[in-house]
Amino acid sequence: MIILLERHRLALLGLSVVIAVSLLGVAAEQDQAKSPAQEAMIKIKEDVGAFEFNGKLNLASIGQPGGEVNFNGVSKSQMVLDGTGILSVAEVNGQQSLNYMGYRSDTKEYFNINLDPNQTALDYVAGNFTKPNVLTMTNPTTQVTVETVGAPNGASTTTVRIPPNQTMMMSIENSRVNATPTNVLKQLMAGPVKPKRINRKADSVYPSENYAPGHVILQKFAGSFATKDGYKAESRMVGEGRYVLTHVTAPAQFLAFTAYNSEGKFFQQMLIGPSVPAPMYMQGPLQKDGSILMSDPFNPNGMKVVITFDENGDYSTSTSMGDQGVLKRTWVLEK
């Protein structure tokens, strides 16, 4: 189920939500009870493999003239995190986007995270099956609705509708051309650590084309890191250099996504793992001293993380819960 977002509507909607590199290690120390996500993901196992898709964007739905914009692309996907999620990599017009589909055991909903190179924030939707073959998900902030109707052999039709009248903004026809999964995670981690270039101007109406100091700081999270207490992490810039994907392999396995929201001027973090019942989300701004202060926006007394950077490429996280310090950890860049 590929959800692709064109720059035309992103400039208007500014969708955002989700990710986490600074929380690595906290979730690993939580209860390791088996997640029901494995059973839930079996229901959408047809989403694994290689796909081709064609889409249409209705410009009139977002108040722009020009009729429709047609686009097409390819994608590959695999089950990850012990079968609790599906990671997909798509390419449209030579640009890379990422998609993660998982299951929240707290709300018993599927969720989807989209890392689109035409925007600077993460897009998040969640929902459930309204019919045996119809998965309906909604962005909790913008109320944009994504409905995917599945068909045999991995084919599907996805429709994106926007408020207030739920006007159809985009439709995508998706067909599976190969059921064999590709190890897209391995390919991503074998790719370039940092992008070949980064925008240096800020005169475009599209946020994804503009320079922001936060996008340079994101590169500090990219590389191979280890901690004294045994954590190993590989991080790569993805989505045309707009996001950081982190894969923690020891002592437990996690995926983390990191972004800088140019419109909101804050960093976002989300962590996902087999033992995490729901995505762990935090966000926060860059401080005057060069550190990043992340917190749970939904709980003022919840978790807070201060991230500081060293000149040698290492970075440290100091995590607290309320008035209580929890842990400190330094991620050492492996030369």
C-alpha atoms as a PDB file:
ATOM      1  CA  MET A   1       0.000   0.000   0.000  1.00  0.00           C
ATOM      2  CA  ILE A   2       2.006   2.900  -1.316  1.00  0.00           C
ATOM      3  CA  ILE A   3       1.036   6.385  -0.148  1.00  0.00           C
ATOM      4  CA  LEU A   4       2.846   9.027  -2.196  1.00  0.00           C
ATOM      5  CA  LEU A   5       2.404  12.756  -1.615  1.00  0.00           C
ATOM      6  CA  GLU A   6       3.105  15.281  -4.376  1.00  0.00           C
ATOM      7  CA  ARG A   7       4.678  18.673  -3.652  1.00  0.00           C
ATOM      8  CA  HIS A   8       1.576  20.508  -4.910  1.00  0.00           C
ATOM      9  CA  ARG A   9      -0.550  19.493  -1.965  1.00  0.00           C
ATOM     10  CA  LEU A  10       2.287  19.325   0.565  1.00  0.00           C
ATOM     11  CA  ALA A  11       2.857  23.053   0.231  1.00  0.00           C
ATOM     12  CA  LEU A  12      -0.707  23.557   1.445  1.00  0.00           C
ATOM     13  CA  LEU A  13      -1.251  20.795   3.947  1.00  0.00           C
ATOM     14  CA  GLY A  14       2.095  20.673   5.744  1.00  0.00           C
ATOM     15  CA  LEU A  15       1.365  17.196   7.152  1.00  0.00           C
ATOM     16  CA  SER A  16       3.614  16.106   9.993  1.00  0.00           C
ATOM     17  CA  VAL A  17       4.226  13.625  12.758  1.00  0.00           C
ATOM     18  CA  VAL A  18       6.734  11.042  14.146  1.00  0.00           C
ATOM     19  CA  ILE A  19      10.362   9.522  15.006  1.00  0.00           C
ATOM     20  CA  ALA A  20      13.416   8.755  17.382  1.00  0.00           C
ATOM     21  CA  VAL A  21      17.168   8.337  17.595  1.00  0.00           C
ATOM     22  CA  SER A  22      17.548   9.841  21.062  1.00  0.00           C
ATOM     23  CA  LEU A  23      15.261   7.223  22.634  1.00  0.00           C
ATOM     24  CA  LEU A  24      17.353   4.269  21.507  1.00  0.00           C
ATOM     25  CA  GLY A  25      17.998   2.052  24.477  1.00  0.00           C
ATOM     26  CA  VAL A  26      15.023   3.232  26.529  1.00  0.00           C
ATOM     27  CA  ALA A  27      12.510   0.987  24.791  1.00  0.00           C
ATOM     28  CA  ALA A  28      14.903  -1.948  24.890  1.00  0.00           C
ATOM     29  CA  GLU A  29      14.735  -1.880  28.650  1.00  0.00           C
ATOM     30  CA  GLN A  30      10.958  -2.130  28.683  1.00  0.00           C
ATOM     31  CA  ASP A  31       8.850  -5.262  28.868  1.00  0.00           C
ATOM     32  CA  GLN A  32       9.767  -7.715  26.114  1.00  0.00           C
ATOM     33  CA  ALA A  33       6.262  -9.203  25.868  1.00  0.00           C
ATOM     34  CA  LYS A  34       5.381 -10.402  22.365  1.00  0.00           C
ATOM     35  CA  SER A  35       3.464  -7.864  20.328  1.00  0.00           C
ATOM     36  CA  PRO A  36       0.177  -8.754  18.572  1.00  0.00           C
ATOM     37  CA  ALA A  37       1.569  -6.858  15.575  1.00  0.00           C
ATOM     38  CA  GLN A  38       2.972 -10.070  14.084  1.00  0.00           C
ATOM     39  CA  GLU A  39      -0.493 -11.558  13.758  1.00  0.00           C
ATOM     40  CA  ALA A  40      -1.924  -8.283  12.414  1.00  0.00           C
ATOM     41  CA  MET A  41       0.762  -7.935   9.742  1.00  0.00           C
ATOM     42  CA  ILE A  42      -0.001 -11.404   8.364  1.00  0.00           C
ATOM     43  CA  LYS A  43      -3.313  -9.955   7.158  1.00  0.00           C
ATOM     44  CA  ILE A  44      -1.457  -7.565   4.837  1.00  0.00           C
ATOM     45  CA  LYS A  45       1.375  -9.876   3.794  1.00  0.00           C
ATOM     46  CA  GLU A  46       0.378  -9.222   0.163  1.00  0.00           C
ATOM     47  CA  ASP A  47       2.089  -5.838   0.591  1.00  0.00           C
ATOM     48  CA  VAL A  48       5.501  -7.559   0.448  1.00  0.00           C
ATOM     49  CA  GLY A  49       7.377  -7.838  -2.847  1.00  0.00           C
ATOM     50  CA  ALA A  50       8.079  -5.655  -5.883  1.00  0.00           C
ATOM     51  CA  PHE A  51       5.386  -3.324  -7.230  1.00  0.00           C
ATOM     52  CA  GLU A  52       4.569  -0.924 -10.029  1.00  0.00           C
ATOM     53  CA  PHE A  53       2.064   1.894  -9.544  1.00  0.00           C
ATOM     54  CA  ASN A  54       0.335   4.691 -11.432  1.00  0.00           C
ATOM     55  CA  GLY A  55      -1.311   7.679  -9.795  1.00  0.00           C
ATOM     56  CA  LYS A  56      -3.275  10.844 -10.436  1.00  0.00           C
ATOM     57  CA  LEU A  57      -3.226  14.042  -8.387  1.00  0.00           C
ATOM     58  CA  ASN A  58      -6.300  16.281  -8.612  1.00  0.00           C
ATOM     59  CA  LEU A  59      -4.936  19.834  -8.492  1.00  0.00           C
ATOM     60  CA  ALA A  60      -8.416  21.357  -8.272  1.00  0.00           C
ATOM     61  CA  SER A  61      -8.919  19.644  -4.903  1.00  0.00           C
ATOM     62  CA  ILE A  62      -6.185  21.823  -3.397  1.00  0.00           C
ATOM     63  CA  GLY A  63      -7.226  25.017  -5.147  1.00  0.00           C
ATOM     64  CA  GLN A  64      -4.673  24.960  -7.948  1.00  0.00           C
ATOM     65  CA  PRO A  65      -5.443  25.107 -11.678  1.00  0.00           C
ATOM     66  CA  GLY A  66      -4.051  22.563 -14.088  1.00  0.00           C
ATOM     67  CA  GLY A  67      -6.376  19.578 -13.958  1.00  0.00           C
ATOM     68  CA  GLU A  68      -4.553  16.357 -13.068  1.00  0.00           C
ATOM     69  CA  VAL A  69      -0.921  15.414 -12.573  1.00  0.00           C
ATOM     70  CA  ASN A  70      -0.055  11.834 -13.547  1.00  0.00           C
ATOM     71  CA  PHE A  71       2.849   9.989 -11.986  1.00  0.00           C
ATOM     72  CA  ASN A  72       4.194   6.445 -11.861  1.00  0.00           C
ATOM     73  CA  GLY A  73       6.883   4.551 -10.057  1.00  0.00           C
ATOM     74  CA  VAL A  74       8.174   1.318  -8.598  1.00  0.00           C
ATOM     75  CA  SER A  75       8.626   0.044  -5.068  1.00  0.00           C
ATOM     76  CA  LYS A  76      10.085  -2.870  -3.121  1.00  0.00           C
ATOM     77  CA  SER A  77       9.192  -3.995   0.382  1.00  0.00           C
ATOM     78  CA  GLN A  78       9.958  -6.524   3.088  1.00  0.00           C
ATOM     79  CA  MET A  79       8.820  -7.592   6.540  1.00  0.00           C
ATOM     80  CA  VAL A  80      11.096  -6.162   9.238  1.00  0.00           C
ATOM     81  CA  LEU A  81      11.416  -6.109  13.039  1.00  0.00           C
ATOM     82  CA  ASP A  82      10.544  -9.775  13.540  1.00  0.00           C
ATOM     83  CA  GLY A  83       7.517  -9.519  11.283  1.00  0.00           C
ATOM     84  CA  THR A  84       5.919  -6.596  13.121  1.00  0.00           C
ATOM     85  CA  GLY A  85       6.132  -4.141  10.223  1.00  0.00           C
ATOM     86  CA  ILE A  86       6.643  -3.685   6.497  1.00  0.00           C
ATOM     87  CA  LEU A  87       9.323  -1.331   5.170  1.00  0.00           C
ATOM     88  CA  SER A  88       8.954  -0.100   1.580  1.00  0.00           C
ATOM     89  CA  VAL A  89      11.182   1.990  -0.659  1.00  0.00           C
ATOM     90  CA  ALA A  90       9.619   3.676  -3.684  1.00  0.00           C
ATOM     91  CA  GLU A  91      10.996   5.736  -6.548  1.00  0.00           C
ATOM     92  CA  VAL A  92       9.050   8.381  -8.475  1.00  0.00           C
ATOM     93  CA  ASN A  93      10.777  10.569 -11.063  1.00  0.00           C
ATOM     94  CA  GLY A  94      14.145   9.473  -9.730  1.00  0.00           C
ATOM     95  CA  GLN A  95      13.345  10.473  -6.154  1.00  0.00           C
ATOM     96  CA  GLN A  96      13.339   8.053  -3.233  1.00  0.00           C
ATOM     97  CA  SER A  97      10.579   7.831  -0.647  1.00  0.00           C
ATOM     98  CA  LEU A  98      10.128   5.431   2.278  1.00  0.00           C
ATOM     99  CA  ASN A  99       7.029   3.923   3.792  1.00  0.00           C
ATOM    100  CA  TYR A 100       6.563   1.975   7.035  1.00  0.00           C
ATOM    101  CA  MET A 101       3.379   0.071   7.875  1.00  0.00           C
ATOM    102  CA  GLY A 102       2.920  -1.239  11.405  1.00  0.00           C
ATOM    103  CA  TYR A 103       0.321  -2.098  14.031  1.00  0.00           C
ATOM    104  CA  ARG A 104      -0.446  -0.393  17.341  1.00  0.00           C
ATOM    105  CA  SER A 105      -1.407  -2.868  20.030  1.00  0.00           C
ATOM    106  CA  ASP A 106      -2.566  -0.046  22.325  1.00  0.00           C
ATOM    107  CA  THR A 107      -5.321   1.206  20.001  1.00  0.00           C
ATOM    108  CA  LYS A 108      -5.522  -1.955  17.846  1.00  0.00           C
ATOM    109  CA  GLU A 109      -4.953   0.072  14.681  1.00  0.00           C
ATOM    110  CA  TYR A 110      -2.674  -0.107  11.696  1.00  0.00           C
ATOM    111  CA  PHE A 111      -0.455   2.921  11.170  1.00  0.00           C
ATOM    112  CA  ASN A 112       1.556   4.210   8.251  1.00  0.00           C
ATOM    113  CA  ILE A 113       4.574   6.530   8.259  1.00  0.00           C
ATOM    114  CA  ASN A 114       5.587   8.172   4.995  1.00  0.00           C
ATOM    115  CA  LEU A 115       8.974   9.816   4.378  1.00  0.00           C
ATOM    116  CA  ASP A 116       8.400  11.889   1.263  1.00  0.00           C
ATOM    117  CA  PRO A 117      11.258  13.853  -0.350  1.00  0.00           C
ATOM    118  CA  ASN A 118       8.801  16.603  -1.355  1.00  0.00           C
ATOM    119  CA  GLN A 119       8.208  17.573   2.260  1.00  0.00           C
ATOM    120  CA  THR A 120      10.278  18.000   5.402  1.00  0.00           C
ATOM    121  CA  ALA A 121       8.012  16.433   8.029  1.00  0.00           C
ATOM    122  CA  LEU A 122       6.815  12.871   8.442  1.00  0.00           C
ATOM    123  CA  ASP A 123       3.286  11.981   7.399  1.00  0.00           C
ATOM    124  CA  TYR A 124       1.313   9.709   9.736  1.00  0.00           C
ATOM    125  CA  VAL A 125      -2.066   8.026   9.339  1.00  0.00           C
ATOM    126  CA  ALA A 126      -3.774   5.325  11.418  1.00  0.00           C
ATOM    127  CA  GLY A 127      -6.918   3.249  11.172  1.00  0.00           C
ATOM    128  CA  ASN A 128      -8.345  -0.195  10.586  1.00  0.00           C
ATOM    129  CA  PHE A 129     -10.212  -2.437   8.190  1.00  0.00           C
ATOM    130  CA  THR A 130     -13.743  -1.146   7.615  1.00  0.00           C
ATOM    131  CA  LYS A 131     -14.432  -4.114   5.322  1.00  0.00           C
ATOM    132  CA  PRO A 132     -12.474  -7.358   4.855  1.00  0.00           C
ATOM    133  CA  ASN A 133     -10.437  -5.819   2.020  1.00  0.00           C
ATOM    134  CA  VAL A 134     -10.732  -2.098   2.805  1.00  0.00           C
ATOM    135  CA  LEU A 135      -8.207  -0.398   5.098  1.00  0.00           C
ATOM    136  CA  THR A 136      -9.157   3.166   6.061  1.00  0.00           C
ATOM    137  CA  MET A 137      -6.653   5.403   7.834  1.00  0.00           C
ATOM    138  CA  THR A 138      -6.747   9.064   8.854  1.00  0.00           C
ATOM    139  CA  ASN A 139      -4.188  11.686   9.758  1.00  0.00           C
ATOM    140  CA  PRO A 140      -5.208  12.760  13.304  1.00  0.00           C
ATOM    141  CA  THR A 141      -4.060  16.352  12.739  1.00  0.00           C
ATOM    142  CA  THR A 142      -5.271  17.191   9.242  1.00  0.00           C
ATOM    143  CA  GLN A 143      -8.102  14.644   8.946  1.00  0.00           C
ATOM    144  CA  VAL A 144      -6.829  13.595   5.530  1.00  0.00           C
ATOM    145  CA  THR A 145      -8.216  10.104   4.851  1.00  0.00           C
ATOM    146  CA  VAL A 146      -6.408   7.301   3.021  1.00  0.00           C
ATOM    147  CA  GLU A 147      -8.492   4.330   1.861  1.00  0.00           C
ATOM    148  CA  THR A 148      -6.854   1.262   0.332  1.00  0.00           C
ATOM    149  CA  VAL A 149      -8.921  -1.455  -1.323  1.00  0.00           C
ATOM    150  CA  GLY A 150      -6.995  -4.694  -1.651  1.00  0.00           C
ATOM    151  CA  ALA A 151      -7.348  -7.224  -4.453  1.00  0.00           C
ATOM    152  CA  PRO A 152      -5.843 -10.688  -5.113  1.00  0.00           C
ATOM    153  CA  ASN A 153      -2.125 -11.062  -5.844  1.00  0.00           C
ATOM    154  CA  GLY A 154      -1.117  -7.862  -4.064  1.00  0.00           C
ATOM    155  CA  ALA A 155      -2.975  -5.415  -6.292  1.00  0.00           C
ATOM    156  CA  SER A 156      -4.636  -2.440  -4.588  1.00  0.00           C
ATOM    157  CA  THR A 157      -6.276   0.914  -5.183  1.00  0.00           C
ATOM    158  CA  THR A 158      -5.551   3.783  -2.807  1.00  0.00           C
ATOM    159  CA  THR A 159      -7.638   6.955  -2.601  1.00  0.00           C
ATOM    160  CA  VAL A 160      -6.632  10.059  -0.628  1.00  0.00           C
ATOM    161  CA  ARG A 161      -9.402  12.470   0.395  1.00  0.00           C
ATOM    162  CA  ILE A 162      -9.103  15.851   2.090  1.00  0.00           C
ATOM    163  CA  PRO A 163     -11.469  17.804   4.384  1.00  0.00           C
ATOM    164  CA  PRO A 164     -13.815  19.479   4.798  1.00  0.00           C
ATOM    165  CA  ASN A 165     -15.797  17.665   2.083  1.00  0.00           C
ATOM    166  CA  GLN A 166     -13.496  14.657   1.728  1.00  0.00           C
ATOM    167  CA  THR A 167     -12.753  15.639  -1.867  1.00  0.00           C
ATOM    168  CA  MET A 168     -10.663  13.095  -3.747  1.00  0.00           C
ATOM    169  CA  MET A 169      -7.179  14.512  -4.017  1.00  0.00           C
ATOM    170  CA  MET A 170      -5.222  11.532  -5.253  1.00  0.00           C
ATOM    171  CA  SER A 171      -5.694   7.963  -6.469  1.00  0.00           C
ATOM    172  CA  ILE A 172      -3.073   5.246  -6.949  1.00  0.00           C
ATOM    173  CA  GLU A 173      -3.317   1.901  -8.761  1.00  0.00           C
ATOM    174  CA  ASN A 174      -0.779  -0.543  -7.356  1.00  0.00           C
ATOM    175  CA  SER A 175       0.146  -3.957  -8.819  1.00  0.00           C
ATOM    176  CA  ARG A 176       2.609  -6.550  -7.559  1.00  0.00           C
ATOM    177  CA  VAL A 177       5.060  -7.816 -10.167  1.00  0.00           C
ATOM    178  CA  ASN A 178       7.080 -10.106  -7.895  1.00  0.00           C
ATOM    179  CA  ALA A 179       6.101 -11.666  -4.559  1.00  0.00           C
ATOM    180  CA  THR A 180       9.704 -12.278  -3.512  1.00  0.00           C
ATOM    181  CA  PRO A 181      10.725  -9.754  -0.833  1.00  0.00           C
ATOM    182  CA  THR A 182      13.802  -7.596  -1.330  1.00  0.00           C
ATOM    183  CA  ASN A 183      16.072  -6.822   1.611  1.00  0.00           C
ATOM    184  CA  VAL A 184      15.496  -3.086   1.274  1.00  0.00           C
ATOM    185  CA  LEU A 185      16.771  -2.391   4.794  1.00  0.00           C
ATOM    186  CA  LYS A 186      20.133  -3.968   3.984  1.00  0.00           C
ATOM    187  CA  GLN A 187      20.326  -2.012   0.736  1.00  0.00           C
ATOM    188  CA  LEU A 188      19.558   1.260   2.494  1.00  0.00           C
ATOM    189  CA  MET A 189      22.195   0.652   5.154  1.00  0.00           C
ATOM    190  CA  ALA A 190      24.746  -0.193   2.465  1.00  0.00           C
ATOM    191  CA  GLY A 191      24.049   3.096   0.695  1.00  0.00           C
ATOM    192  CA  PRO A 192      25.688   6.518   1.087  1.00  0.00           C
ATOM    193  CA  VAL A 193      25.840   7.776   4.658  1.00  0.00           C
ATOM    194  CA  LYS A 194      25.056  11.363   3.667  1.00  0.00           C
ATOM    195  CA  PRO A 195      23.477  12.949   0.575  1.00  0.00           C
ATOM    196  CA  LYS A 196      25.637  14.195  -2.286  1.00  0.00           C
ATOM    197  CA  ARG A 197      24.232  17.699  -1.911  1.00  0.00           C
ATOM    198  CA  ILE A 198      22.040  19.767   0.365  1.00  0.00           C
ATOM    199  CA  ASN A 199      19.969  22.819  -0.500  1.00  0.00           C
ATOM    200  CA  ARG A 200      21.688  26.131   0.161  1.00  0.00           C
ATOM    201  CA  LYS A 201      18.871  28.518  -0.777  1.00  0.00           C
ATOM    202  CA  ALA A 202      15.578  29.401   0.889  1.00  0.00           C
ATOM    203  CA  ASP A 203      13.582  31.113  -1.840  1.00  0.00           C
ATOM    204  CA  SER A 204      11.218  28.345  -2.949  1.00  0.00           C
ATOM    205  CA  VAL A 205       7.513  28.089  -2.100  1.00  0.00           C
ATOM    206  CA  TYR A 206       8.108  24.381  -1.492  1.00  0.00           C
ATOM    207  CA  PRO A 207       9.624  23.682   1.966  1.00  0.00           C
ATOM    208  CA  SER A 208      11.430  20.571   0.726  1.00  0.00           C
ATOM    209  CA  GLU A 209      13.516  22.677  -1.660  1.00  0.00           C
ATOM    210  CA  ASN A 210      14.680  25.173   0.955  1.00  0.00           C
ATOM    211  CA  TYR A 211      17.763  25.313   3.102  1.00  0.00           C
ATOM    212  CA  ALA A 212      17.367  25.103   6.880  1.00  0.00           C
ATOM    213  CA  PRO A 213      20.089  24.675   9.550  1.00  0.00           C
ATOM    214  CA  GLY A 214      18.137  21.712  10.922  1.00  0.00           C
ATOM    215  CA  HIS A 215      18.714  19.739   7.740  1.00  0.00           C
ATOM    216  CA  VAL A 216      22.462  20.104   8.171  1.00  0.00           C
ATOM    217  CA  ILE A 217      22.209  18.986  11.798  1.00  0.00           C
ATOM    218  CA  LEU A 218      20.342  15.848  10.713  1.00  0.00           C
ATOM    219  CA  GLN A 219      23.540  14.705   9.034  1.00  0.00           C
ATOM    220  CA  LYS A 220      25.187  14.470  12.451  1.00  0.00           C
ATOM    221  CA  PHE A 221      22.977  11.442  13.175  1.00  0.00           C
ATOM    222  CA  ALA A 222      24.211   9.591  10.067  1.00  0.00           C
ATOM    223  CA  GLY A 223      26.948   6.973  10.353  1.00  0.00           C
ATOM    224  CA  SER A 224      27.858   3.865  12.321  1.00  0.00           C
ATOM    225  CA  PHE A 225      27.600   4.257  16.101  1.00  0.00           C
ATOM    226  CA  ALA A 226      28.184   2.181  19.225  1.00  0.00           C
ATOM    227  CA  THR A 227      27.804   2.730  22.985  1.00  0.00           C
ATOM    228  CA  LYS A 228      29.824   1.445  25.914  1.00  0.00           C
ATOM    229  CA  ASP A 229      26.862  -0.634  27.090  1.00  0.00           C
ATOM    230  CA  GLY A 230      26.679  -2.597  23.841  1.00  0.00           C
ATOM    231  CA  TYR A 231      24.288  -0.785  21.526  1.00  0.00           C
ATOM    232  CA  LYS A 232      25.020  -0.860  17.804  1.00  0.00           C
ATOM    233  CA  ALA A 233      23.321   1.455  15.318  1.00  0.00           C
ATOM    234  CA  GLU A 234      23.597   2.161  11.601  1.00  0.00           C
ATOM    235  CA  SER A 235      22.090   5.442  10.379  1.00  0.00           C
ATOM    236  CA  ARG A 236      21.679   6.694   6.822  1.00  0.00           C
ATOM    237  CA  MET A 237      20.211   9.801   5.194  1.00  0.00           C
ATOM    238  CA  VAL A 238      17.216   8.717   3.085  1.00  0.00           C
ATOM    239  CA  GLY A 239      14.376  10.333   1.133  1.00  0.00           C
ATOM    240  CA  GLU A 240      16.781  12.460  -0.917  1.00  0.00           C
ATOM    241  CA  GLY A 241      18.645  13.558   2.210  1.00  0.00           C
ATOM    242  CA  ARG A 242      15.558  14.793   4.065  1.00  0.00           C
ATOM    243  CA  TYR A 243      15.380  12.118   6.781  1.00  0.00           C
ATOM    244  CA  VAL A 244      17.539   9.817   8.870  1.00  0.00           C
ATOM    245  CA  LEU A 245      16.781   6.099   9.091  1.00  0.00           C
ATOM    246  CA  THR A 246      18.429   4.327  12.018  1.00  0.00           C
ATOM    247  CA  HIS A 247      18.615   0.556  12.484  1.00  0.00           C
ATOM    248  CA  VAL A 248      19.620  -0.655  15.942  1.00  0.00           C
ATOM    249  CA  THR A 249      20.724  -4.281  15.918  1.00  0.00           C
ATOM    250  CA  ALA A 250      21.986  -4.886  19.460  1.00  0.00           C
ATOM    251  CA  PRO A 251      21.144  -5.650  22.174  1.00  0.00           C
ATOM    252  CA  ALA A 252      17.630  -5.454  20.690  1.00  0.00           C
ATOM    253  CA  GLN A 253      16.330  -4.455  17.261  1.00  0.00           C
ATOM    254  CA  PHE A 254      14.641  -1.141  16.494  1.00  0.00           C
ATOM    255  CA  LEU A 255      13.994   1.244  13.644  1.00  0.00           C
ATOM    256  CA  ALA A 256      14.000   4.984  14.181  1.00  0.00           C
ATOM    257  CA  PHE A 257      13.093   7.870  11.880  1.00  0.00           C
ATOM    258  CA  THR A 258      14.332  11.442  12.293  1.00  0.00           C
ATOM    259  CA  ALA A 259      13.224  14.616  10.493  1.00  0.00           C
ATOM    260  CA  TYR A 260      13.407  18.383  10.737  1.00  0.00           C
ATOM    261  CA  ASN A 261      10.047  20.082  10.151  1.00  0.00           C
ATOM    262  CA  SER A 262      10.933  23.281   8.262  1.00  0.00           C
ATOM    263  CA  GLU A 263       7.484  24.772   8.715  1.00  0.00           C
ATOM    264  CA  GLY A 264       7.286  24.116  12.454  1.00  0.00           C
ATOM    265  CA  LYS A 265      11.048  24.633  12.976  1.00  0.00           C
ATOM    266  CA  PHE A 266      11.442  21.591  15.197  1.00  0.00           C
ATOM    267  CA  PHE A 267      12.937  18.117  15.056  1.00  0.00           C
ATOM    268  CA  GLN A 268      10.745  15.023  15.159  1.00  0.00           C
ATOM    269  CA  GLN A 269      11.575  11.547  16.376  1.00  0.00           C
ATOM    270  CA  MET A 270       9.803   8.198  16.247  1.00  0.00           C
ATOM    271  CA  LEU A 271      11.009   4.803  17.397  1.00  0.00           C
ATOM    272  CA  ILE A 272       9.472   1.453  16.457  1.00  0.00           C
ATOM    273  CA  GLY A 273      10.328  -2.018  17.711  1.00  0.00           C
ATOM    274  CA  PRO A 274       8.878  -5.496  18.242  1.00  0.00           C
ATOM    275  CA  SER A 275       8.441  -4.847  21.969  1.00  0.00           C
ATOM    276  CA  VAL A 276       7.079  -1.304  21.576  1.00  0.00           C
ATOM    277  CA  PRO A 277       3.239  -1.368  21.601  1.00  0.00           C
ATOM    278  CA  ALA A 278       2.961   1.988  19.790  1.00  0.00           C
ATOM    279  CA  PRO A 279       5.377   4.330  17.988  1.00  0.00           C
ATOM    280  CA  MET A 280       7.298   6.425  20.520  1.00  0.00           C
ATOM    281  CA  TYR A 281       7.057  10.044  19.373  1.00  0.00           C
ATOM    282  CA  MET A 282       8.928  13.132  20.517  1.00  0.00           C
ATOM    283  CA  GLN A 283       9.640  16.547  19.050  1.00  0.00           C
ATOM    284  CA  GLY A 284      11.570  19.663  19.944  1.00  0.00           C
ATOM    285  CA  PRO A 285      13.604  22.697  18.807  1.00  0.00           C
ATOM    286  CA  LEU A 286      17.268  23.465  18.446  1.00  0.00           C
ATOM    287  CA  GLN A 287      18.548  25.302  21.547  1.00  0.00           C
ATOM    288  CA  LYS A 288      20.851  28.346  21.544  1.00  0.00           C
ATOM    289  CA  ASP A 289      23.735  26.194  22.815  1.00  0.00           C
ATOM    290  CA  GLY A 290      23.423  23.860  19.809  1.00  0.00           C
ATOM    291  CA  SER A 291      21.653  21.042  21.642  1.00  0.00           C
ATOM    292  CA  ILE A 292      18.224  19.627  20.816  1.00  0.00           C
ATOM    293  CA  LEU A 293      15.528  19.408  23.488  1.00  0.00           C
ATOM    294  CA  MET A 294      13.010  16.688  22.679  1.00  0.00           C
ATOM    295  CA  SER A 295       9.822  16.013  24.643  1.00  0.00           C
ATOM    296  CA  ASP A 296       6.508  14.202  24.431  1.00  0.00           C
ATOM    297  CA  PRO A 297       4.084  16.874  23.111  1.00  0.00           C
ATOM    298  CA  PHE A 298       1.101  14.971  24.475  1.00  0.00           C
ATOM    299  CA  ASN A 299       2.384  14.642  28.035  1.00  0.00           C
ATOM    300  CA  PRO A 300       4.046  17.686  29.705  1.00  0.00           C
ATOM    301  CA  ASN A 301       5.253  15.451  32.545  1.00  0.00           C
ATOM    302  CA  GLY A 302       6.495  12.743  30.214  1.00  0.00           C
ATOM    303  CA  MET A 303       9.854  11.884  28.766  1.00  0.00           C
ATOM    304  CA  LYS A 304      12.418  14.553  27.859  1.00  0.00           C
ATOM    305  CA  VAL A 305      15.683  14.040  25.992  1.00  0.00           C
ATOM    306  CA  VAL A 306      18.556  16.501  25.546  1.00  0.00           C
ATOM    307  CA  ILE A 307      20.844  15.690  22.605  1.00  0.00           C
ATOM    308  CA  THR A 308      24.325  17.223  22.458  1.00  0.00           C
ATOM    309  CA  PHE A 309      26.964  16.873  19.750  1.00  0.00           C
ATOM    310  CA  ASP A 310      30.739  16.515  20.011  1.00  0.00           C
ATOM    311  CA  GLU A 311      33.236  17.867  17.502  1.00  0.00           C
ATOM    312  CA  ASN A 312      34.575  14.348  16.882  1.00  0.00           C
ATOM    313  CA  GLY A 313      31.223  13.166  15.510  1.00  0.00           C
ATOM    314  CA  ASP A 314      29.823  11.548  18.668  1.00  0.00           C
ATOM    315  CA  TYR A 315      26.525  12.599  20.207  1.00  0.00           C
ATOM    316  CA  SER A 316      25.054  12.093  23.672  1.00  0.00           C
ATOM    317  CA  THR A 317      21.524  11.717  24.984  1.00  0.00           C
ATOM    318  CA  SER A 318      20.349  12.606  28.488  1.00  0.00           C
ATOM    319  CA  THR A 319      16.882  11.232  29.201  1.00  0.00           C
ATOM    320  CA  SER A 320      14.583  12.133  32.084  1.00  0.00           C
ATOM    321  CA  MET A 321      11.022  11.366  33.101  1.00  0.00           C
ATOM    322  CA  GLY A 322       9.363  14.208  34.981  1.00  0.00           C
ATOM    323  CA  ASP A 323      11.865  15.330  37.619  1.00  0.00           C
ATOM    324  CA  GLN A 324      13.683  11.999  37.605  1.00  0.00           C
ATOM    325  CA  GLY A 325      16.816  11.340  35.576  1.00  0.00           C
ATOM    326  CA  VAL A 326      16.621   8.065  33.682  1.00  0.00           C
ATOM    327  CA  LEU A 327      19.837   7.486  31.765  1.00  0.00           C
ATOM    328  CA  LYS A 328      22.719   9.044  29.888  1.00  0.00           C
ATOM    329  CA  ARG A 329      24.268   7.483  26.827  1.00  0.00           C
ATOM    330  CA  THR A 330      26.984   8.483  24.344  1.00  0.00           C
ATOM    331  CA  TRP A 331      26.805   7.253  20.749  1.00  0.00           C
ATOM    332  CA  VAL A 332      30.395   6.954  19.551  1.00  0.00           C
ATOM    333  CA  LEU A 333      30.997   7.347  15.824  1.00  0.00           C
ATOM    334  CA  GLU A 334      32.945   4.356  14.557  1.00  0.00           C
ATOM    335  CA  LYS A 335      35.727   5.526  12.278  1.00  0.00           C
END
